[in-house]
Amino acid sequence: MTDTAPTDAEAACFEAGIKFGSLYHQFAGTPVSPDSADSVATAMEEAIENQPHCRAVDVDVREDELAAAIADAGADYTELTGRFLEVEIVIDYEGCEVVARMEMEDGYPLMRLESVEDRSSL
């Protein structure tokens, strides 16, 4: 019988996915304006950093894109979607560090692994 338990690196990658799912679906639809963008970004970072194994979260709101969407809509705010965000999440799980990012690619907020490093044997 083969061992099917996930490796620490695989578990760390899973944790990154959980964090992105939570971040995206918890905050999608939040009313946001250029004036509130920084506080929304901070709230997102602090909320996700509360989760286990999360070492750091950096959320940047693409304020030029946000301002353009608001101008096109003729309102003072719009709802938060992935097209307004660039996010980096760093996971530390059992000595494995995973860096994951979300940024726009071909019109879609793509989430992907940037790096997976097993530092447990260092």
C-alpha atoms as a PDB file:
ATOM      1  CA  MET A   1       0.000   0.000   0.000  1.00  0.00           C
ATOM      2  CA  THR A   2       1.381   3.409  -0.938  1.00  0.00           C
ATOM      3  CA  ASP A   3       1.397   6.383   1.392  1.00  0.00           C
ATOM      4  CA  THR A   4      -1.242   8.853   0.205  1.00  0.00           C
ATOM      5  CA  ALA A   5      -0.827  11.396   2.995  1.00  0.00           C
ATOM      6  CA  PRO A   6      -0.051  14.851   1.626  1.00  0.00           C
ATOM      7  CA  THR A   7       3.471  16.143   1.999  1.00  0.00           C
ATOM      8  CA  ASP A   8       4.062  19.266   4.069  1.00  0.00           C
ATOM      9  CA  ALA A   9       4.582  21.209   0.839  1.00  0.00           C
ATOM     10  CA  GLU A  10       1.262  19.963  -0.542  1.00  0.00           C
ATOM     11  CA  ALA A  11      -0.502  20.872   2.704  1.00  0.00           C
ATOM     12  CA  ALA A  12       1.069  24.350   2.570  1.00  0.00           C
ATOM     13  CA  CYS A  13      -0.220  24.805  -0.997  1.00  0.00           C
ATOM     14  CA  PHE A  14      -3.677  23.714   0.124  1.00  0.00           C
ATOM     15  CA  GLU A  15      -3.539  26.305   2.918  1.00  0.00           C
ATOM     16  CA  ALA A  16      -2.727  29.006   0.350  1.00  0.00           C
ATOM     17  CA  GLY A  17      -5.761  27.966  -1.686  1.00  0.00           C
ATOM     18  CA  ILE A  18      -8.003  28.110   1.362  1.00  0.00           C
ATOM     19  CA  LYS A  19      -6.763  31.610   2.169  1.00  0.00           C
ATOM     20  CA  PHE A  20      -7.442  32.846  -1.370  1.00  0.00           C
ATOM     21  CA  GLY A  21     -10.910  31.295  -1.413  1.00  0.00           C
ATOM     22  CA  SER A  22     -11.721  32.985   1.859  1.00  0.00           C
ATOM     23  CA  LEU A  23     -10.270  36.336   0.812  1.00  0.00           C
ATOM     24  CA  TYR A  24     -12.003  36.431  -2.540  1.00  0.00           C
ATOM     25  CA  HIS A  25     -15.430  35.194  -1.536  1.00  0.00           C
ATOM     26  CA  GLN A  26     -15.592  36.993   1.791  1.00  0.00           C
ATOM     27  CA  PHE A  27     -14.912  40.415   0.288  1.00  0.00           C
ATOM     28  CA  ALA A  28     -16.343  40.206  -3.249  1.00  0.00           C
ATOM     29  CA  GLY A  29     -19.204  42.652  -3.493  1.00  0.00           C
ATOM     30  CA  THR A  30     -17.966  44.951  -0.732  1.00  0.00           C
ATOM     31  CA  PRO A  31     -18.751  48.572  -1.595  1.00  0.00           C
ATOM     32  CA  VAL A  32     -15.442  50.324  -2.329  1.00  0.00           C
ATOM     33  CA  SER A  33     -14.360  53.777  -3.440  1.00  0.00           C
ATOM     34  CA  PRO A  34     -10.983  55.443  -3.836  1.00  0.00           C
ATOM     35  CA  ASP A  35     -11.469  56.939  -0.360  1.00  0.00           C
ATOM     36  CA  SER A  36     -12.131  53.553   1.260  1.00  0.00           C
ATOM     37  CA  ALA A  37      -9.713  51.418  -0.787  1.00  0.00           C
ATOM     38  CA  ASP A  38      -6.884  51.507   1.762  1.00  0.00           C
ATOM     39  CA  SER A  39      -9.125  50.585   4.690  1.00  0.00           C
ATOM     40  CA  VAL A  40     -10.735  47.752   2.713  1.00  0.00           C
ATOM     41  CA  ALA A  41      -7.258  46.428   1.794  1.00  0.00           C
ATOM     42  CA  THR A  42      -6.160  46.594   5.439  1.00  0.00           C
ATOM     43  CA  ALA A  43      -9.323  44.792   6.578  1.00  0.00           C
ATOM     44  CA  MET A  44      -8.695  42.033   4.028  1.00  0.00           C
ATOM     45  CA  GLU A  45      -5.066  41.624   5.106  1.00  0.00           C
ATOM     46  CA  GLU A  46      -5.867  41.525   8.810  1.00  0.00           C
ATOM     47  CA  ALA A  47      -8.789  39.115   8.379  1.00  0.00           C
ATOM     48  CA  ILE A  48      -6.818  36.585   6.347  1.00  0.00           C
ATOM     49  CA  GLU A  49      -3.710  36.879   8.549  1.00  0.00           C
ATOM     50  CA  ASN A  50      -5.861  35.572  11.429  1.00  0.00           C
ATOM     51  CA  GLN A  51      -6.042  32.166   9.762  1.00  0.00           C
ATOM     52  CA  PRO A  52      -3.647  29.355  10.720  1.00  0.00           C
ATOM     53  CA  HIS A  53      -0.269  29.149   8.964  1.00  0.00           C
ATOM     54  CA  CYS A  54      -0.668  32.559   7.319  1.00  0.00           C
ATOM     55  CA  ARG A  55       2.531  34.548   7.777  1.00  0.00           C
ATOM     56  CA  ALA A  56       1.752  37.586   5.620  1.00  0.00           C
ATOM     57  CA  VAL A  57      -0.887  39.048   3.314  1.00  0.00           C
ATOM     58  CA  ASP A  58      -0.397  42.060   1.072  1.00  0.00           C
ATOM     59  CA  VAL A  59      -3.455  43.481  -0.696  1.00  0.00           C
ATOM     60  CA  ASP A  60      -3.074  46.298  -3.217  1.00  0.00           C
ATOM     61  CA  VAL A  61      -6.193  47.881  -4.649  1.00  0.00           C
ATOM     62  CA  ARG A  62      -5.667  48.943  -8.239  1.00  0.00           C
ATOM     63  CA  GLU A  63      -6.963  52.451  -7.619  1.00  0.00           C
ATOM     64  CA  ASP A  64      -6.668  53.664 -11.236  1.00  0.00           C
ATOM     65  CA  GLU A  65      -8.838  50.754 -12.390  1.00  0.00           C
ATOM     66  CA  LEU A  66     -11.229  51.403  -9.509  1.00  0.00           C
ATOM     67  CA  ALA A  67     -11.542  55.112 -10.330  1.00  0.00           C
ATOM     68  CA  ALA A  68     -12.160  54.329 -14.009  1.00  0.00           C
ATOM     69  CA  ALA A  69     -14.934  51.855 -13.164  1.00  0.00           C
ATOM     70  CA  ILE A  70     -16.593  54.381 -10.869  1.00  0.00           C
ATOM     71  CA  ALA A  71     -16.376  57.110 -13.512  1.00  0.00           C
ATOM     72  CA  ASP A  72     -17.927  54.787 -16.115  1.00  0.00           C
ATOM     73  CA  ALA A  73     -20.783  53.925 -13.757  1.00  0.00           C
ATOM     74  CA  GLY A  74     -21.462  57.492 -12.699  1.00  0.00           C
ATOM     75  CA  ALA A  75     -21.583  56.567  -8.994  1.00  0.00           C
ATOM     76  CA  ASP A  76     -19.398  57.332  -5.986  1.00  0.00           C
ATOM     77  CA  TYR A  77     -18.446  53.687  -5.401  1.00  0.00           C
ATOM     78  CA  THR A  78     -18.526  50.252  -6.987  1.00  0.00           C
ATOM     79  CA  GLU A  79     -18.451  46.686  -5.735  1.00  0.00           C
ATOM     80  CA  LEU A  80     -15.132  45.011  -5.097  1.00  0.00           C
ATOM     81  CA  THR A  81     -14.123  42.337  -7.588  1.00  0.00           C
ATOM     82  CA  GLY A  82     -10.868  40.588  -8.372  1.00  0.00           C
ATOM     83  CA  ARG A  83     -10.109  42.976 -11.215  1.00  0.00           C
ATOM     84  CA  PHE A  84      -9.333  45.673  -8.649  1.00  0.00           C
ATOM     85  CA  LEU A  85      -6.935  43.573  -6.560  1.00  0.00           C
ATOM     86  CA  GLU A  86      -3.352  42.379  -6.530  1.00  0.00           C
ATOM     87  CA  VAL A  87      -2.697  40.052  -3.612  1.00  0.00           C
ATOM     88  CA  GLU A  88       0.258  38.138  -2.231  1.00  0.00           C
ATOM     89  CA  ILE A  89      -0.140  35.536   0.523  1.00  0.00           C
ATOM     90  CA  VAL A  90       2.747  33.845   2.320  1.00  0.00           C
ATOM     91  CA  ILE A  91       2.087  30.559   4.109  1.00  0.00           C
ATOM     92  CA  ASP A  92       4.441  28.893   6.580  1.00  0.00           C
ATOM     93  CA  TYR A  93       3.461  25.299   7.269  1.00  0.00           C
ATOM     94  CA  GLU A  94       5.804  22.874   9.035  1.00  0.00           C
ATOM     95  CA  GLY A  95       8.866  24.603   7.578  1.00  0.00           C
ATOM     96  CA  CYS A  96       7.453  24.896   4.058  1.00  0.00           C
ATOM     97  CA  GLU A  97       7.005  28.404   2.726  1.00  0.00           C
ATOM     98  CA  VAL A  98       4.474  28.990  -0.039  1.00  0.00           C
ATOM     99  CA  VAL A  99       4.069  32.304  -1.831  1.00  0.00           C
ATOM    100  CA  ALA A 100       0.864  32.678  -3.820  1.00  0.00           C
ATOM    101  CA  ARG A 101      -0.353  35.653  -5.857  1.00  0.00           C
ATOM    102  CA  MET A 102      -3.510  36.911  -7.470  1.00  0.00           C
ATOM    103  CA  GLU A 103      -3.335  39.446 -10.267  1.00  0.00           C
ATOM    104  CA  MET A 104      -5.115  40.168 -13.498  1.00  0.00           C
ATOM    105  CA  GLU A 105      -4.121  38.063 -16.467  1.00  0.00           C
ATOM    106  CA  ASP A 106      -5.997  38.269 -19.765  1.00  0.00           C
ATOM    107  CA  GLY A 107      -8.924  39.990 -18.044  1.00  0.00           C
ATOM    108  CA  TYR A 108      -9.223  37.397 -15.263  1.00  0.00           C
ATOM    109  CA  PRO A 109      -8.058  37.573 -11.610  1.00  0.00           C
ATOM    110  CA  LEU A 110      -5.711  34.583 -11.744  1.00  0.00           C
ATOM    111  CA  MET A 111      -4.547  32.962  -8.506  1.00  0.00           C
ATOM    112  CA  ARG A 112      -1.323  30.987  -8.742  1.00  0.00           C
ATOM    113  CA  LEU A 113       1.623  29.639  -6.793  1.00  0.00           C
ATOM    114  CA  GLU A 114       4.756  31.728  -7.123  1.00  0.00           C
ATOM    115  CA  SER A 115       7.051  29.486  -5.096  1.00  0.00           C
ATOM    116  CA  VAL A 116       7.141  26.492  -2.786  1.00  0.00           C
ATOM    117  CA  GLU A 117      10.202  26.129  -0.588  1.00  0.00           C
ATOM    118  CA  ASP A 118      10.825  23.339   1.920  1.00  0.00           C
ATOM    119  CA  ARG A 119      12.969  24.970   4.578  1.00  0.00           C
ATOM    120  CA  SER A 120      12.460  22.247   7.180  1.00  0.00           C
ATOM    121  CA  SER A 121      15.814  20.596   6.441  1.00  0.00           C
ATOM    122  CA  LEU A 122      17.840  23.834   6.453  1.00  0.00           C
END
